[in-house]
């Protein structure tokens, strides 16, 4: 086994622990699985009106070629429901 084979195997092994999101242009953006929870938290904070921090996973989901990523709760709220962030109704006192 040559040096190139060893490097190739290490690359493949390291990618196995990453979440890949294929983009419209064919590029694959990869993230550690622990970043999914951070992206979800950023999305829920944006929906709750606690500021708008865009996580790279949110951007990757917005530009994903797969419809499941684009419509997931990891995508930006504007992209997921097609509306503006200000149009989210307040259901905290709904009965």
N, C-alpha and C. Protein backbone atom coordinates (compact mmCIF):
# COMPACT_ATOMS: atom_id res chain seq x y z
N UNK A 1 0.85 -1.18 0.00
CA UNK A 1 0.00 0.00 0.00
C UNK A 1 0.90 1.24 0.00
N UNK A 2 0.67 2.10 -0.98
CA UNK A 2 1.47 3.31 -1.11
C UNK A 2 0.94 4.45 -0.26
N UNK A 3 1.67 5.51 -0.27
CA UNK A 3 1.30 6.69 0.51
C UNK A 3 -0.02 7.28 0.02
N UNK A 4 -0.22 7.31 -1.29
CA UNK A 4 -1.47 7.86 -1.83
C UNK A 4 -2.68 7.05 -1.38
N UNK A 5 -2.53 5.74 -1.35
CA UNK A 5 -3.64 4.89 -0.89
C UNK A 5 -3.96 5.15 0.58
N UNK A 6 -2.94 5.32 1.38
CA UNK A 6 -3.16 5.59 2.80
C UNK A 6 -3.87 6.93 3.00
N UNK A 7 -3.45 7.94 2.27
CA UNK A 7 -4.08 9.25 2.38
C UNK A 7 -5.53 9.18 1.92
N UNK A 8 -5.78 8.47 0.82
CA UNK A 8 -7.15 8.33 0.31
C UNK A 8 -8.03 7.62 1.33
N UNK A 9 -7.52 6.57 1.94
CA UNK A 9 -8.31 5.85 2.95
C UNK A 9 -8.59 6.72 4.17
N UNK A 10 -7.62 7.53 4.58
CA UNK A 10 -7.85 8.43 5.71
C UNK A 10 -8.91 9.48 5.38
N UNK A 11 -8.88 9.99 4.15
CA UNK A 11 -9.90 10.96 3.74
C UNK A 11 -11.29 10.34 3.78
N UNK A 12 -11.42 9.15 3.25
CA UNK A 12 -12.72 8.47 3.24
C UNK A 12 -13.18 8.19 4.66
N UNK A 13 -12.28 7.76 5.52
CA UNK A 13 -12.65 7.47 6.91
C UNK A 13 -13.07 8.73 7.64
N UNK A 14 -12.40 9.85 7.40
CA UNK A 14 -12.75 11.09 8.09
C UNK A 14 -14.09 11.64 7.61
N UNK A 15 -14.45 11.40 6.38
CA UNK A 15 -15.74 11.87 5.86
C UNK A 15 -16.90 11.08 6.42
N UNK A 16 -16.65 9.88 6.89
CA UNK A 16 -17.72 9.05 7.41
C UNK A 16 -18.38 9.63 8.64
N UNK A 17 -17.70 10.51 9.35
CA UNK A 17 -18.23 11.10 10.56
C UNK A 17 -18.86 12.47 10.32
N UNK A 18 -19.02 12.86 9.08
CA UNK A 18 -19.58 14.16 8.74
C UNK A 18 -20.93 14.01 8.07
N UNK A 19 -21.77 15.03 8.23
CA UNK A 19 -23.05 15.10 7.54
C UNK A 19 -22.82 15.88 6.26
N UNK A 20 -23.17 15.29 5.12
CA UNK A 20 -22.97 15.95 3.84
C UNK A 20 -24.28 16.47 3.27
N UNK A 21 -24.28 17.71 2.80
CA UNK A 21 -25.45 18.32 2.18
C UNK A 21 -25.06 18.74 0.78
N UNK A 22 -25.63 18.05 -0.22
CA UNK A 22 -25.31 18.35 -1.61
C UNK A 22 -25.99 19.65 -2.03
N UNK A 23 -25.20 20.54 -2.64
CA UNK A 23 -25.69 21.84 -3.06
C UNK A 23 -26.19 21.79 -4.50
N UNK A 24 -26.87 22.84 -4.91
CA UNK A 24 -27.44 22.91 -6.26
C UNK A 24 -26.34 22.78 -7.32
N UNK A 25 -25.19 23.37 -7.11
CA UNK A 25 -24.11 23.31 -8.08
C UNK A 25 -23.34 22.01 -8.08
N UNK A 26 -23.68 21.05 -7.21
CA UNK A 26 -23.00 19.77 -7.16
C UNK A 26 -22.00 19.65 -6.03
N UNK A 27 -21.63 20.76 -5.42
CA UNK A 27 -20.70 20.74 -4.30
C UNK A 27 -21.37 20.09 -3.08
N UNK A 28 -20.58 19.43 -2.25
CA UNK A 28 -21.10 18.84 -1.02
C UNK A 28 -20.48 19.58 0.16
N UNK A 29 -21.32 20.16 0.98
CA UNK A 29 -20.84 20.82 2.20
C UNK A 29 -20.97 19.83 3.34
N UNK A 30 -19.90 19.69 4.11
CA UNK A 30 -19.85 18.70 5.18
C UNK A 30 -19.72 19.39 6.54
N UNK A 31 -20.44 18.82 7.51
CA UNK A 31 -20.46 19.37 8.86
C UNK A 31 -20.40 18.25 9.88
N UNK A 32 -19.80 18.50 11.04
CA UNK A 32 -19.85 17.51 12.13
C UNK A 32 -21.30 17.37 12.62
N UNK A 33 -21.71 16.18 13.00
CA UNK A 33 -23.10 15.99 13.45
C UNK A 33 -23.49 16.86 14.64
N UNK A 34 -22.54 17.22 15.51
CA UNK A 34 -22.89 18.05 16.66
C UNK A 34 -23.33 19.46 16.26
N UNK A 35 -22.96 19.90 15.06
CA UNK A 35 -23.37 21.23 14.59
C UNK A 35 -24.84 21.29 14.20
N UNK A 36 -25.48 20.15 13.99
CA UNK A 36 -26.90 20.15 13.65
C UNK A 36 -27.73 20.73 14.79
N UNK A 37 -27.38 20.41 16.01
CA UNK A 37 -28.14 20.96 17.14
C UNK A 37 -27.94 22.46 17.27
N UNK A 38 -26.76 22.96 16.96
CA UNK A 38 -26.49 24.39 17.01
C UNK A 38 -27.30 25.11 15.93
N UNK A 39 -27.38 24.52 14.74
CA UNK A 39 -28.16 25.12 13.66
C UNK A 39 -29.65 25.12 14.00
N UNK A 40 -30.12 24.04 14.60
CA UNK A 40 -31.52 23.98 15.01
C UNK A 40 -31.83 25.04 16.07
N UNK A 41 -30.92 25.23 17.01
CA UNK A 41 -31.10 26.25 18.04
C UNK A 41 -31.15 27.64 17.42
N UNK A 42 -30.29 27.90 16.44
CA UNK A 42 -30.30 29.21 15.76
C UNK A 42 -31.63 29.44 15.05
N UNK A 43 -32.19 28.38 14.46
CA UNK A 43 -33.48 28.50 13.76
C UNK A 43 -34.60 28.78 14.75
N UNK A 44 -34.63 28.05 15.87
CA UNK A 44 -35.70 28.27 16.84
C UNK A 44 -35.59 29.64 17.49
N UNK A 45 -34.38 30.14 17.70
CA UNK A 45 -34.22 31.48 18.24
C UNK A 45 -34.72 32.53 17.25
N UNK A 46 -34.49 32.30 15.98
CA UNK A 46 -34.96 33.25 14.96
C UNK A 46 -36.49 33.25 14.90
N UNK A 47 -37.10 32.08 15.03
CA UNK A 47 -38.56 32.01 15.02
C UNK A 47 -39.13 32.70 16.24
N UNK A 48 -38.46 32.54 17.38
CA UNK A 48 -38.92 33.16 18.62
C UNK A 48 -38.64 34.65 18.72
N UNK A 49 -37.94 35.21 17.74
CA UNK A 49 -37.65 36.63 17.73
C UNK A 49 -36.47 37.03 18.59
N UNK A 50 -35.61 36.08 18.91
CA UNK A 50 -34.45 36.37 19.75
C UNK A 50 -33.22 36.72 18.93
N UNK A 51 -33.39 37.36 17.82
CA UNK A 51 -32.26 37.72 16.97
C UNK A 51 -32.15 36.73 15.82
N UNK A 52 -31.34 37.09 14.87
CA UNK A 52 -31.21 36.26 13.68
C UNK A 52 -29.74 35.97 13.45
N UNK A 53 -29.29 34.80 13.89
CA UNK A 53 -27.94 34.35 13.59
C UNK A 53 -28.04 33.26 12.54
N UNK A 54 -27.35 33.44 11.46
CA UNK A 54 -27.38 32.47 10.37
C UNK A 54 -26.23 31.50 10.57
N UNK A 55 -26.55 30.25 10.70
CA UNK A 55 -25.55 29.20 10.84
C UNK A 55 -25.20 28.69 9.45
N UNK A 56 -23.98 28.25 9.21
CA UNK A 56 -23.62 27.71 7.89
C UNK A 56 -24.49 26.53 7.45
N UNK A 57 -25.00 25.75 8.39
CA UNK A 57 -25.90 24.65 8.02
C UNK A 57 -27.21 25.20 7.49
N UNK A 58 -27.70 26.31 8.08
CA UNK A 58 -28.92 26.94 7.56
C UNK A 58 -28.73 27.37 6.12
N UNK A 59 -27.59 27.97 5.82
CA UNK A 59 -27.32 28.40 4.44
C UNK A 59 -27.18 27.20 3.51
N UNK A 60 -26.52 26.15 3.98
CA UNK A 60 -26.35 24.96 3.15
C UNK A 60 -27.69 24.30 2.86
N UNK A 61 -28.59 24.28 3.83
CA UNK A 61 -29.92 23.69 3.61
C UNK A 61 -30.75 24.55 2.65
N UNK A 62 -30.59 25.86 2.72
CA UNK A 62 -31.31 26.74 1.81
C UNK A 62 -30.89 26.52 0.36
N UNK A 63 -29.62 26.17 0.14
CA UNK A 63 -29.09 25.97 -1.21
C UNK A 63 -28.96 24.49 -1.58
N UNK A 64 -29.59 23.61 -0.83
CA UNK A 64 -29.46 22.17 -1.07
C UNK A 64 -30.23 21.75 -2.32
N UNK A 65 -29.70 20.75 -3.00
CA UNK A 65 -30.39 20.23 -4.18
C UNK A 65 -31.49 19.25 -3.77
N UNK A 66 -31.40 18.69 -2.58
CA UNK A 66 -32.39 17.73 -2.08
C UNK A 66 -33.52 18.49 -1.39
N UNK A 67 -34.74 18.21 -1.79
CA UNK A 67 -35.91 18.89 -1.25
C UNK A 67 -36.08 18.62 0.25
N UNK A 68 -35.65 17.47 0.72
CA UNK A 68 -35.79 17.15 2.15
C UNK A 68 -34.95 18.08 3.01
N UNK A 69 -33.76 18.44 2.55
CA UNK A 69 -32.94 19.39 3.31
C UNK A 69 -33.51 20.79 3.23
N UNK A 70 -34.01 21.18 2.04
CA UNK A 70 -34.54 22.54 1.88
C UNK A 70 -35.77 22.78 2.73
N UNK A 71 -36.59 21.77 2.92
CA UNK A 71 -37.81 21.94 3.71
C UNK A 71 -37.66 21.49 5.16
N UNK A 72 -36.46 21.17 5.59
CA UNK A 72 -36.27 20.66 6.94
C UNK A 72 -36.25 21.79 7.97
N UNK A 73 -36.25 21.41 9.23
CA UNK A 73 -36.19 22.43 10.28
C UNK A 73 -34.78 22.97 10.46
N UNK A 74 -33.83 22.50 9.66
CA UNK A 74 -32.48 23.08 9.66
C UNK A 74 -32.38 24.24 8.68
N UNK A 75 -33.31 24.36 7.75
CA UNK A 75 -33.27 25.48 6.81
C UNK A 75 -33.79 26.74 7.49
N UNK A 76 -33.54 27.87 6.86
CA UNK A 76 -33.99 29.14 7.42
C UNK A 76 -35.50 29.18 7.49
N UNK A 77 -36.07 29.83 8.50
CA UNK A 77 -37.54 29.89 8.61
C UNK A 77 -38.19 30.53 7.39
N UNK A 78 -37.55 31.53 6.79
CA UNK A 78 -38.11 32.17 5.61
C UNK A 78 -38.21 31.17 4.46
N UNK A 79 -37.21 30.32 4.34
CA UNK A 79 -37.18 29.35 3.26
C UNK A 79 -38.15 28.21 3.51
N UNK A 80 -38.31 27.80 4.75
CA UNK A 80 -39.13 26.65 5.06
C UNK A 80 -40.62 26.91 4.81
N UNK A 81 -41.13 28.08 5.20
CA UNK A 81 -42.56 28.31 5.02
C UNK A 81 -42.87 29.28 3.89
N UNK A 82 -41.85 29.85 3.27
CA UNK A 82 -42.05 30.74 2.13
C UNK A 82 -42.47 32.14 2.51
N UNK A 83 -42.59 32.43 3.79
CA UNK A 83 -43.03 33.76 4.23
C UNK A 83 -41.90 34.52 4.88
N UNK A 84 -42.24 35.66 5.38
CA UNK A 84 -41.27 36.47 6.09
C UNK A 84 -41.24 36.06 7.55
N UNK A 85 -40.14 36.33 8.19
CA UNK A 85 -39.99 35.96 9.59
C UNK A 85 -40.97 36.72 10.48
N UNK A 86 -41.35 37.92 10.10
CA UNK A 86 -42.28 38.72 10.90
C UNK A 86 -43.71 38.20 10.86
N UNK A 87 -44.05 37.31 9.94
CA UNK A 87 -45.41 36.80 9.81
C UNK A 87 -45.69 35.57 10.66
N UNK A 88 -44.77 35.21 11.53
CA UNK A 88 -44.97 34.06 12.40
C UNK A 88 -45.94 34.47 13.52
N UNK A 89 -47.09 33.79 13.63
CA UNK A 89 -48.04 34.20 14.65
C UNK A 89 -47.56 33.83 16.05
N UNK A 90 -47.94 34.64 17.01
CA UNK A 90 -47.61 34.39 18.41
C UNK A 90 -48.71 33.51 18.99
N UNK A 91 -48.36 32.27 19.29
CA UNK A 91 -49.36 31.33 19.82
C UNK A 91 -49.18 31.08 21.31
N UNK A 92 -48.40 31.94 21.98
CA UNK A 92 -48.12 31.71 23.38
C UNK A 92 -49.36 31.85 24.27
N UNK A 93 -50.34 32.67 23.87
CA UNK A 93 -51.55 32.84 24.67
C UNK A 93 -52.77 32.31 23.94
N UNK A 94 -52.57 31.43 23.01
CA UNK A 94 -53.68 30.86 22.24
C UNK A 94 -54.39 29.81 23.06
N UNK A 95 -55.70 29.81 23.01
CA UNK A 95 -56.47 28.79 23.76
C UNK A 95 -57.55 28.24 22.91
